[in-house]
Amino acid sequence: MYIMITDKLSRELIIKTNTAGIIKDVSANCFDILGYKKKDLLKTCILEYTRESILNDCKKEISFLNKDNSFSILDTRSRSIYKNNKRIGFCYSMINVSEYKEKENENKTIKNILKKSRDIIYRLEIKPEIKLTYLSPSIEEQLGYKVEQYYKNPMAVNEKVHPDDYNELKAKLSGNADYSKPIIIRYKHKEGNYIWFEEHVTPIYNEKDEFIAIEGISRNIQERKELEEKLTKLSYRDSLTGLYNRTYFNKELEELNNEKNMEIGVIVCDLDDLKLINDRYGHLQGDKILKKTGELLKNTVKDKGLVARVGGDEFVILLRGNKVDEINNLHEKLKSTFTDYNNKSNLSINISIGFSYNDSSLGITDELFNIADNNMYIDKRNKRDMKNFNSIHNI
C-alpha cells in the first residue's frame, strides 16, 4: 500500500498559485516530470506554460511547456484555496499522461488504417469456442455481407468457401496449415460469384502450446488471378493459327496417360510441300496456308476434340471418349474437307493424315501418338508413290 501511494505521489506534480496564477509553491518532482528546477517555476505565472484557462476549479487535460520547449499532456485537477472564507489561490494536481495519449493516438491511427484498408483483417478465436473478436468493415466491400452477419455466425465462412478450397479452410481453422506461406482460397460473394483471396494467417497459441486462435489479413487477388489465367491461355496458344500449341497438347496427353482413363484417339496431320510453297511463293503465303489449314481442321472437328499445332507444318487432333467408328468417320471427313477446299481454291492444301485409337489411355499415349505419326508418314509415302507412278505412266 505504501509503495502504491509513493508511486502515485512520484508521478503527481503539485503546483500552488495565487489567484493571478503566480506560482507560490511546487513539488520537488517538477524536474523529473517537466525538466524544471523548483526555482525556475517559483514567482512565474502558470499561464506562461499553458494556453488553457485554468484559473478556476477544473478537471481537464492540458498541454504544458517543458524545460526543453516540448509539450507534455497533463491530466489536471485544480481546486480553490481558501483562507477566512476568501479564495487566495489554486492548488493543481497534475499527472503526465503524454505516454498514454501517444499510445491512444497510435491506437486510433491503427484503427483508422484498419477501417480504411480494403484488405479483410480479422481475429478468430478457436478455443474455448469459435468467436470473432475483430473483423474489418471491408468485408462488406469485398464480399457484400455486413460485419454483423459474421459476428452472429463466425462459421458462416464455411458456407462461403469454394468446394474445391474446403480442405485449405479446414487446415487453416484446425492449426494444420503451413502458415509460413500465403493461403490461396476462394469465397462466394453475396451476388453468387467466387472471388480469389490471398490470406496471410498467424496462428495463436496459449502458454500450454494449444492452438487457440488465428489472426489474418485477406487480400482480394481476383484481378491477378484473371490476368494469370489470360497469360496461361496465351502460353497455351499458337500465335499464328490461334490453335493450342505443343505445350498444351503435351499437358492434356500427360493427364490422359497418368490420371484420366478413357477411350482415346490421335489424328496426326502434316502439310505436304510447305517448304516448296515458302520457296516459290514466300513465307507470307506459307503462313496463310498454315492459318487456313488450322481453320479447316477446327471447323471440321468442332467440339469433338482438341486441335493443336505441334510443329512447323504438323497438326494433331486429340479425341477423348470417342468410339473407333467416330474417329474413322472424322478421318474420312477431314480428307473430304481438304478435297472440297482444293477443288475451289487456286492454291491447293495437300495434307497427309494418320490416326490411332485405344479403348484405354493410361500408360499408352506416347505409343498412340507414335502410331498415328507413323500412319501419317505411310499416307504421305503412298501419295508420293502414287504421284511418281502417275508421272511415269504419263510418259
Protein backbone atom coordinates (compact mmCIF):
# COMPACT_ATOMS: atom_id res chain seq x y z
CA MET A 1 0.00 0.00 0.00
CA TYR A 2 2.84 2.40 0.91
CA ILE A 3 4.60 1.63 -2.38
CA MET A 4 1.44 2.36 -4.38
CA ILE A 5 0.94 5.73 -2.65
CA THR A 6 4.61 6.64 -3.08
CA ASP A 7 4.44 5.72 -6.77
CA LYS A 8 1.38 7.88 -7.27
CA LEU A 9 2.98 10.79 -5.42
CA SER A 10 6.14 10.49 -7.51
CA ARG A 11 4.02 10.81 -10.66
CA GLU A 12 1.81 13.59 -9.31
CA LEU A 13 3.03 17.18 -9.71
CA ILE A 14 1.60 19.70 -7.22
CA ILE A 15 1.61 23.42 -8.06
CA LYS A 16 0.13 26.16 -5.89
CA THR A 17 -0.60 29.66 -7.20
CA ASN A 18 -2.29 32.83 -6.06
CA THR A 19 -5.49 33.98 -7.76
CA ALA A 20 -3.45 35.69 -10.51
CA GLY A 21 -1.68 32.42 -11.33
CA ILE A 22 1.71 33.34 -9.81
CA ILE A 23 3.36 30.12 -8.66
CA LYS A 24 3.97 30.13 -4.91
CA ASP A 25 4.97 26.52 -4.40
CA VAL A 26 5.73 23.42 -6.47
CA SER A 27 6.54 19.83 -5.57
CA ALA A 28 10.16 18.67 -5.79
CA ASN A 29 9.45 16.17 -8.59
CA CYS A 30 8.93 19.01 -11.10
CA PHE A 31 12.40 18.33 -12.52
CA ASP A 32 11.62 14.64 -13.18
CA ILE A 33 8.28 15.44 -14.81
CA LEU A 34 8.89 18.70 -16.69
CA GLY A 35 12.65 19.28 -16.53
CA TYR A 36 12.38 22.45 -14.41
CA LYS A 37 14.11 23.08 -11.14
CA LYS A 38 11.85 24.36 -8.43
CA LYS A 39 13.40 27.85 -8.55
CA ASP A 40 12.68 28.04 -12.32
CA LEU A 41 8.94 27.94 -11.67
CA LEU A 42 8.57 29.95 -8.47
CA LYS A 43 7.28 33.52 -8.93
CA THR A 44 6.40 32.87 -12.60
CA CYS A 45 2.82 32.78 -13.91
CA ILE A 46 1.37 29.36 -14.64
CA LEU A 47 -0.27 30.80 -17.76
CA GLU A 48 3.21 31.17 -19.29
CA TYR A 49 3.31 27.39 -19.63
CA THR A 50 -0.15 26.66 -20.98
CA ARG A 51 -2.75 28.31 -23.17
CA GLU A 52 -5.57 26.69 -21.28
CA SER A 53 -7.85 28.67 -19.00
CA ILE A 54 -7.16 27.06 -15.63
CA LEU A 55 -7.55 29.91 -13.09
CA ASN A 56 -10.62 28.17 -11.73
CA ASP A 57 -11.75 24.88 -10.34
CA CYS A 58 -11.45 22.46 -13.22
CA LYS A 59 -10.68 18.96 -14.39
CA LYS A 60 -9.11 18.70 -17.83
CA GLU A 61 -6.13 17.61 -19.89
CA ILE A 62 -3.79 20.49 -20.75
CA SER A 63 -0.63 20.97 -22.82
CA PHE A 64 2.18 22.18 -20.56
CA LEU A 65 5.50 23.62 -21.76
CA ASN A 66 8.54 21.59 -20.71
CA LYS A 67 12.00 22.99 -20.00
CA ASP A 68 13.21 21.71 -23.42
CA ASN A 69 10.35 23.58 -25.18
CA SER A 70 8.44 20.39 -25.92
CA PHE A 71 4.95 19.87 -24.51
CA SER A 72 3.57 17.30 -22.10
CA ILE A 73 -0.07 16.34 -21.72
CA LEU A 74 -1.02 16.74 -18.05
CA ASP A 75 -4.20 15.34 -16.56
CA THR A 76 -5.02 18.32 -14.35
CA ARG A 77 -7.35 18.82 -11.40
CA SER A 78 -7.49 22.24 -9.74
CA ARG A 79 -9.26 23.35 -6.60
CA SER A 80 -9.52 26.71 -4.93
CA ILE A 81 -7.54 27.51 -1.77
CA TYR A 82 -9.49 29.49 0.81
CA LYS A 83 -8.46 31.46 3.87
CA ASN A 84 -11.07 33.03 6.12
CA ASN A 85 -13.69 32.17 3.51
CA LYS A 86 -11.78 34.12 0.89
CA ARG A 87 -10.18 32.46 -2.15
CA ILE A 88 -6.48 33.18 -2.12
CA GLY A 89 -5.27 30.85 -4.88
CA PHE A 90 -5.38 27.45 -6.55
CA CYS A 91 -3.83 24.04 -6.00
CA TYR A 92 -3.13 21.99 -9.12
CA SER A 93 -2.70 18.23 -9.10
CA MET A 94 -1.11 17.13 -12.38
CA ILE A 95 -0.18 13.71 -13.79
CA ASN A 96 1.79 13.39 -17.01
CA VAL A 97 -0.27 11.25 -19.40
CA SER A 98 1.71 12.02 -22.57
CA GLU A 99 2.84 8.44 -23.00
CA TYR A 100 -0.70 7.13 -22.68
CA LYS A 101 -2.04 9.78 -25.06
CA GLU A 102 0.59 8.82 -27.62
CA LYS A 103 -0.44 5.18 -27.34
CA GLU A 104 -4.09 6.19 -27.54
CA ASN A 105 -3.40 8.21 -30.68
CA GLU A 106 -1.41 5.32 -32.12
CA ASN A 107 -4.34 3.01 -31.45
CA LYS A 108 -6.72 5.46 -33.10
CA THR A 109 -4.40 5.71 -36.09
CA ILE A 110 -4.18 1.93 -36.36
CA LYS A 111 -7.96 1.61 -36.09
CA ASN A 112 -8.43 4.21 -38.81
CA ILE A 113 -5.97 2.37 -41.03
CA LEU A 114 -7.80 -0.91 -40.42
CA LYS A 115 -11.15 0.71 -41.18
CA LYS A 116 -9.90 2.26 -44.41
CA SER A 117 -7.99 -0.80 -45.60
CA ARG A 118 -9.56 -2.75 -48.45
CA ASP A 119 -8.00 -5.93 -47.06
CA ILE A 120 -10.13 -8.06 -44.76
CA ILE A 121 -8.47 -8.12 -41.35
CA TYR A 122 -9.73 -10.45 -38.64
CA ARG A 123 -9.10 -12.32 -35.42
CA LEU A 124 -10.96 -15.58 -34.90
CA GLU A 125 -10.83 -17.40 -31.58
CA ILE A 126 -10.96 -21.18 -31.85
CA LYS A 127 -10.91 -22.10 -28.14
CA PRO A 128 -12.74 -22.25 -25.82
CA GLU A 129 -15.35 -21.51 -28.50
CA ILE A 130 -15.31 -20.21 -32.06
CA LYS A 131 -15.81 -16.46 -31.87
CA LEU A 132 -14.87 -13.46 -33.99
CA THR A 133 -13.23 -10.80 -31.85
CA TYR A 134 -12.40 -8.49 -34.76
CA LEU A 135 -13.48 -8.20 -38.40
CA SER A 136 -12.75 -5.15 -40.53
CA PRO A 137 -15.63 -3.34 -42.27
CA SER A 138 -14.00 -4.06 -45.64
CA ILE A 139 -15.77 -7.45 -45.61
CA GLU A 140 -18.86 -5.68 -46.95
CA GLU A 141 -16.98 -4.08 -49.84
CA GLN A 142 -15.20 -7.32 -50.74
CA LEU A 143 -17.96 -9.91 -50.29
CA GLY A 144 -21.16 -7.90 -49.88
CA TYR A 145 -22.01 -9.13 -46.36
CA LYS A 146 -22.48 -6.99 -43.25
CA VAL A 147 -19.91 -7.40 -40.48
CA GLU A 148 -22.71 -8.20 -38.04
CA GLN A 149 -23.65 -11.33 -40.01
CA TYR A 150 -20.23 -12.84 -39.34
CA TYR A 151 -20.21 -11.83 -35.68
CA LYS A 152 -23.53 -13.62 -35.25
CA ASN A 153 -22.31 -16.70 -37.11
CA PRO A 154 -18.49 -16.89 -37.34
CA MET A 155 -18.65 -20.24 -39.13
CA ALA A 156 -20.72 -18.80 -41.97
CA VAL A 157 -17.39 -18.72 -43.79
CA ASN A 158 -17.79 -22.50 -44.27
CA GLU A 159 -20.82 -21.83 -46.43
CA LYS A 160 -18.99 -19.19 -48.48
CA VAL A 161 -15.81 -21.10 -49.39
CA HIS A 162 -15.46 -22.73 -52.81
CA PRO A 163 -15.97 -26.52 -52.53
CA ASP A 164 -12.53 -27.15 -54.09
CA ASP A 165 -10.90 -24.98 -51.39
CA TYR A 166 -12.61 -26.51 -48.36
CA ASN A 167 -9.52 -28.52 -47.37
CA GLU A 168 -7.45 -25.31 -47.23
CA LEU A 169 -10.07 -23.72 -44.98
CA LYS A 170 -10.23 -26.80 -42.76
CA ALA A 171 -6.44 -26.84 -42.36
CA LYS A 172 -6.41 -23.12 -41.54
CA LEU A 173 -9.03 -23.49 -38.80
CA SER A 174 -7.53 -26.65 -37.28
CA GLY A 175 -3.94 -25.44 -36.97
CA ASN A 176 -2.68 -27.83 -39.64
CA ALA A 177 -1.93 -25.29 -42.38
CA ASP A 178 1.55 -24.18 -43.40
CA TYR A 179 1.18 -20.65 -42.03
CA SER A 180 4.58 -19.61 -43.37
CA LYS A 181 3.02 -19.47 -46.84
CA PRO A 182 0.02 -17.49 -48.09
CA ILE A 183 -3.23 -19.43 -48.26
CA ILE A 184 -4.98 -19.07 -51.64
CA ILE A 185 -8.72 -19.55 -51.30
CA ARG A 186 -12.00 -18.58 -52.99
CA TYR A 187 -15.01 -17.12 -51.16
CA LYS A 188 -18.50 -16.64 -52.51
CA HIS A 189 -19.70 -13.06 -52.99
CA LYS A 190 -23.25 -12.21 -51.94
CA GLU A 191 -24.13 -11.93 -55.64
CA GLY A 192 -23.10 -15.56 -56.20
CA ASN A 193 -19.70 -15.30 -57.92
CA TYR A 194 -16.49 -16.60 -56.34
CA ILE A 195 -13.55 -14.28 -55.64
CA TRP A 196 -9.92 -15.29 -55.16
CA PHE A 197 -8.21 -14.18 -51.92
CA GLU A 198 -4.66 -14.48 -50.64
CA GLU A 199 -4.54 -14.87 -46.86
CA HIS A 200 -1.58 -14.33 -44.57
CA VAL A 201 -2.52 -16.10 -41.35
CA THR A 202 -0.80 -16.16 -37.96
CA PRO A 203 -1.68 -19.00 -35.55
CA ILE A 204 -2.05 -18.07 -31.87
CA TYR A 205 -1.09 -20.47 -29.07
CA ASN A 206 -1.58 -20.27 -25.29
CA GLU A 207 1.02 -20.96 -22.59
CA LYS A 208 0.25 -24.69 -22.89
CA ASP A 209 1.11 -24.51 -26.60
CA GLU A 210 -2.52 -25.14 -27.51
CA PHE A 211 -3.83 -23.69 -30.78
CA ILE A 212 -6.47 -21.16 -29.69
CA ALA A 213 -6.91 -18.51 -32.41
CA ILE A 214 -5.87 -17.14 -35.78
CA GLU A 215 -5.21 -13.60 -36.95
CA GLY A 216 -5.25 -12.90 -40.64
CA ILE A 217 -5.13 -10.43 -43.49
CA SER A 218 -7.07 -11.47 -46.57
CA ARG A 219 -6.42 -9.65 -49.85
CA ASN A 220 -8.59 -9.74 -52.98
CA ILE A 221 -6.43 -11.12 -55.82
CA GLN A 222 -9.22 -11.65 -58.35
CA GLU A 223 -7.67 -9.34 -60.96
CA ARG A 224 -4.29 -11.00 -60.53
CA LYS A 225 -5.82 -14.45 -60.97
CA GLU A 226 -7.71 -13.36 -64.08
CA LEU A 227 -4.50 -11.95 -65.54
CA GLU A 228 -2.63 -15.16 -64.70
CA GLU A 229 -5.39 -17.15 -66.40
CA LYS A 230 -5.15 -14.97 -69.53
CA LEU A 231 -1.38 -15.33 -69.61
CA THR A 232 -1.68 -19.08 -69.12
CA LYS A 233 -4.15 -19.31 -72.00
CA LEU A 234 -1.83 -17.24 -74.17
CA SER A 235 1.07 -19.51 -73.27
CA TYR A 236 -1.01 -22.48 -74.48
CA ARG A 237 -1.87 -20.91 -77.85
CA ASP A 238 -0.03 -20.92 -81.16
CA SER A 239 0.45 -17.27 -82.12
CA LEU A 240 -0.03 -17.83 -85.87
CA THR A 241 -3.11 -20.06 -86.04
CA GLY A 242 -4.72 -19.43 -82.63
CA LEU A 243 -4.86 -23.19 -82.07
CA TYR A 244 -3.48 -24.89 -78.98
CA ASN A 245 0.29 -25.38 -79.05
CA ARG A 246 2.53 -28.36 -78.28
CA THR A 247 2.83 -27.37 -74.59
CA TYR A 248 -0.92 -27.62 -74.04
CA PHE A 249 -1.24 -30.77 -76.14
CA ASN A 250 1.51 -32.47 -74.11
CA LYS A 251 -0.18 -31.42 -70.85
CA GLU A 252 -3.51 -32.93 -71.93
CA LEU A 253 -1.79 -36.05 -73.21
CA GLU A 254 0.07 -36.47 -69.91
CA GLU A 255 -3.18 -36.24 -67.93
CA LEU A 256 -4.72 -38.95 -70.08
CA ASN A 257 -1.60 -41.05 -69.69
CA ASN A 258 -1.34 -40.74 -65.89
CA GLU A 259 -4.70 -39.70 -64.44
CA LYS A 260 -7.79 -39.76 -66.68
CA ASN A 261 -8.51 -43.16 -68.16
CA MET A 262 -10.79 -43.09 -71.22
CA GLU A 263 -11.04 -44.04 -74.86
CA ILE A 264 -8.51 -42.05 -76.86
CA GLY A 265 -7.91 -41.23 -80.49
CA VAL A 266 -4.97 -39.35 -82.00
CA ILE A 267 -5.01 -37.91 -85.54
CA VAL A 268 -1.74 -36.51 -86.87
CA CYS A 269 -1.85 -34.17 -89.89
CA ASP A 270 1.17 -32.92 -91.81
CA LEU A 271 1.23 -30.41 -94.65
CA ASP A 272 2.85 -31.65 -97.84
CA ASP A 273 5.37 -29.46 -99.61
CA LEU A 274 5.17 -26.45 -97.24
CA LYS A 275 8.85 -25.75 -97.88
CA LEU A 276 8.18 -25.69 -101.61
CA ILE A 277 5.34 -23.17 -101.10
CA ASN A 278 7.59 -20.95 -98.94
CA ASP A 279 10.37 -21.07 -101.52
CA ARG A 280 8.11 -20.45 -104.50
CA TYR A 281 5.53 -18.01 -103.11
CA GLY A 282 7.21 -16.65 -99.97
CA HIS A 283 6.67 -17.18 -96.24
CA LEU A 284 3.62 -14.91 -96.12
CA GLN A 285 1.83 -17.29 -98.45
CA GLY A 286 3.10 -20.20 -96.38
CA ASP A 287 1.66 -18.58 -93.24
CA LYS A 288 -1.70 -18.17 -94.99
CA ILE A 289 -1.67 -21.87 -95.83
CA LEU A 290 -0.94 -22.73 -92.19
CA LYS A 291 -3.74 -20.47 -90.94
CA LYS A 292 -6.22 -21.90 -93.43
CA THR A 293 -5.22 -25.44 -92.51
CA GLY A 294 -5.86 -24.69 -88.83
CA GLU A 295 -9.21 -23.14 -89.71
CA LEU A 296 -10.31 -26.14 -91.80
CA LEU A 297 -9.26 -28.59 -89.09
CA LYS A 298 -11.03 -26.67 -86.34
CA ASN A 299 -14.24 -26.23 -88.36
CA THR A 300 -14.31 -29.93 -89.18
CA VAL A 301 -13.55 -31.23 -85.69
CA LYS A 302 -15.75 -28.62 -83.95
CA ASP A 303 -16.21 -29.62 -80.29
CA LYS A 304 -15.43 -33.29 -80.81
CA GLY A 305 -11.75 -32.92 -80.00
CA LEU A 306 -8.75 -30.72 -79.31
CA VAL A 307 -6.85 -29.31 -82.31
CA ALA A 308 -3.22 -28.23 -81.83
CA ARG A 309 -0.32 -27.08 -83.97
CA VAL A 310 2.64 -29.02 -82.60
CA GLY A 311 5.31 -28.20 -85.18
CA GLY A 312 6.08 -26.03 -88.18
CA ASP A 313 3.79 -27.93 -90.55
CA GLU A 314 2.39 -30.55 -88.17
CA PHE A 315 -1.06 -30.55 -86.56
CA VAL A 316 -2.62 -33.05 -84.19
CA ILE A 317 -6.19 -33.78 -83.08
CA LEU A 318 -6.78 -35.35 -79.67
CA LEU A 319 -10.10 -37.17 -79.23
CA ARG A 320 -11.32 -38.25 -75.81
CA GLY A 321 -14.16 -40.64 -75.13
CA ASN A 322 -14.85 -41.30 -78.81
CA LYS A 323 -15.52 -44.72 -80.30
CA VAL A 324 -13.26 -46.05 -83.03
CA ASP A 325 -16.05 -45.68 -85.63
CA GLU A 326 -16.36 -41.98 -84.80
CA ILE A 327 -12.62 -41.50 -85.28
CA ASN A 328 -12.75 -43.35 -88.61
CA ASN A 329 -15.61 -41.15 -89.75
CA LEU A 330 -13.74 -37.99 -88.69
CA HIS A 331 -10.66 -39.21 -90.57
CA GLU A 332 -12.70 -39.56 -93.76
CA LYS A 333 -14.43 -36.24 -93.18
CA LEU A 334 -11.07 -34.47 -92.86
CA LYS A 335 -9.95 -35.87 -96.21
CA SER A 336 -13.21 -34.71 -97.81
CA THR A 337 -12.83 -31.24 -96.27
CA PHE A 338 -9.45 -30.67 -97.89
CA THR A 339 -10.55 -32.21 -101.21
CA ASP A 340 -13.55 -29.86 -101.35
CA TYR A 341 -11.37 -26.88 -100.47
CA ASN A 342 -8.78 -27.75 -103.14
CA ASN A 343 -11.48 -28.06 -105.80
CA LYS A 344 -12.46 -24.42 -105.16
CA SER A 345 -9.05 -22.87 -104.40
CA ASN A 346 -6.31 -21.59 -106.68
CA LEU A 347 -3.64 -22.89 -104.29
CA SER A 348 -4.22 -26.41 -103.00
CA ILE A 349 -3.54 -27.55 -99.45
CA ASN A 350 -2.23 -31.07 -99.56
CA ILE A 351 -2.17 -32.83 -96.21
CA SER A 352 -1.19 -36.31 -95.04
CA ILE A 353 -3.22 -37.87 -92.23
CA GLY A 354 -2.68 -40.79 -89.88
CA PHE A 355 -4.58 -41.89 -86.78
CA SER A 356 -4.57 -44.35 -83.91
CA TYR A 357 -7.09 -45.48 -81.28
CA ASN A 358 -7.23 -47.35 -77.99
CA ASP A 359 -10.05 -48.04 -75.53
CA SER A 360 -7.79 -47.05 -72.59
CA SER A 361 -5.43 -44.08 -72.30
CA LEU A 362 -3.41 -44.96 -69.19
CA GLY A 363 0.26 -45.53 -69.89
CA ILE A 364 -0.13 -45.67 -73.66
CA THR A 365 -0.43 -42.12 -75.03
CA ASP A 366 3.16 -41.83 -76.31
CA GLU A 367 2.80 -45.10 -78.18
CA LEU A 368 -0.52 -43.99 -79.69
CA PHE A 369 0.99 -40.72 -80.87
CA ASN A 370 3.89 -42.57 -82.49
CA ILE A 371 1.48 -44.97 -84.23
CA ALA A 372 -0.60 -42.08 -85.59
CA ASP A 373 2.56 -40.26 -86.65
CA ASN A 374 3.86 -43.36 -88.40
CA ASN A 375 0.49 -43.84 -90.16
CA MET A 376 0.68 -40.24 -91.34
CA TYR A 377 4.08 -40.90 -92.92
CA ILE A 378 2.69 -44.03 -94.57
CA ASP A 379 -0.09 -41.88 -96.07
CA LYS A 380 2.49 -39.30 -97.21
CA ARG A 381 4.67 -42.00 -98.78
CA ASN A 382 1.70 -43.65 -100.52
CA LYS A 383 0.67 -40.33 -102.08
CA ARG A 384 4.22 -39.66 -103.18
CA ASP A 385 4.48 -43.13 -104.71
CA MET A 386 1.16 -42.64 -106.47
CA LYS A 387 2.34 -39.29 -107.82
CA ASN A 388 5.55 -40.84 -109.10
CA PHE A 389 3.60 -43.72 -110.65
CA ASN A 390 1.27 -41.33 -112.45
CA SER A 391 4.23 -39.32 -113.72
CA ILE A 392 5.89 -42.44 -115.15
CA HIS A 393 2.58 -43.68 -116.58
CA ASN A 394 2.01 -40.35 -118.36
CA ILE A 395 5.42 -40.63 -120.04
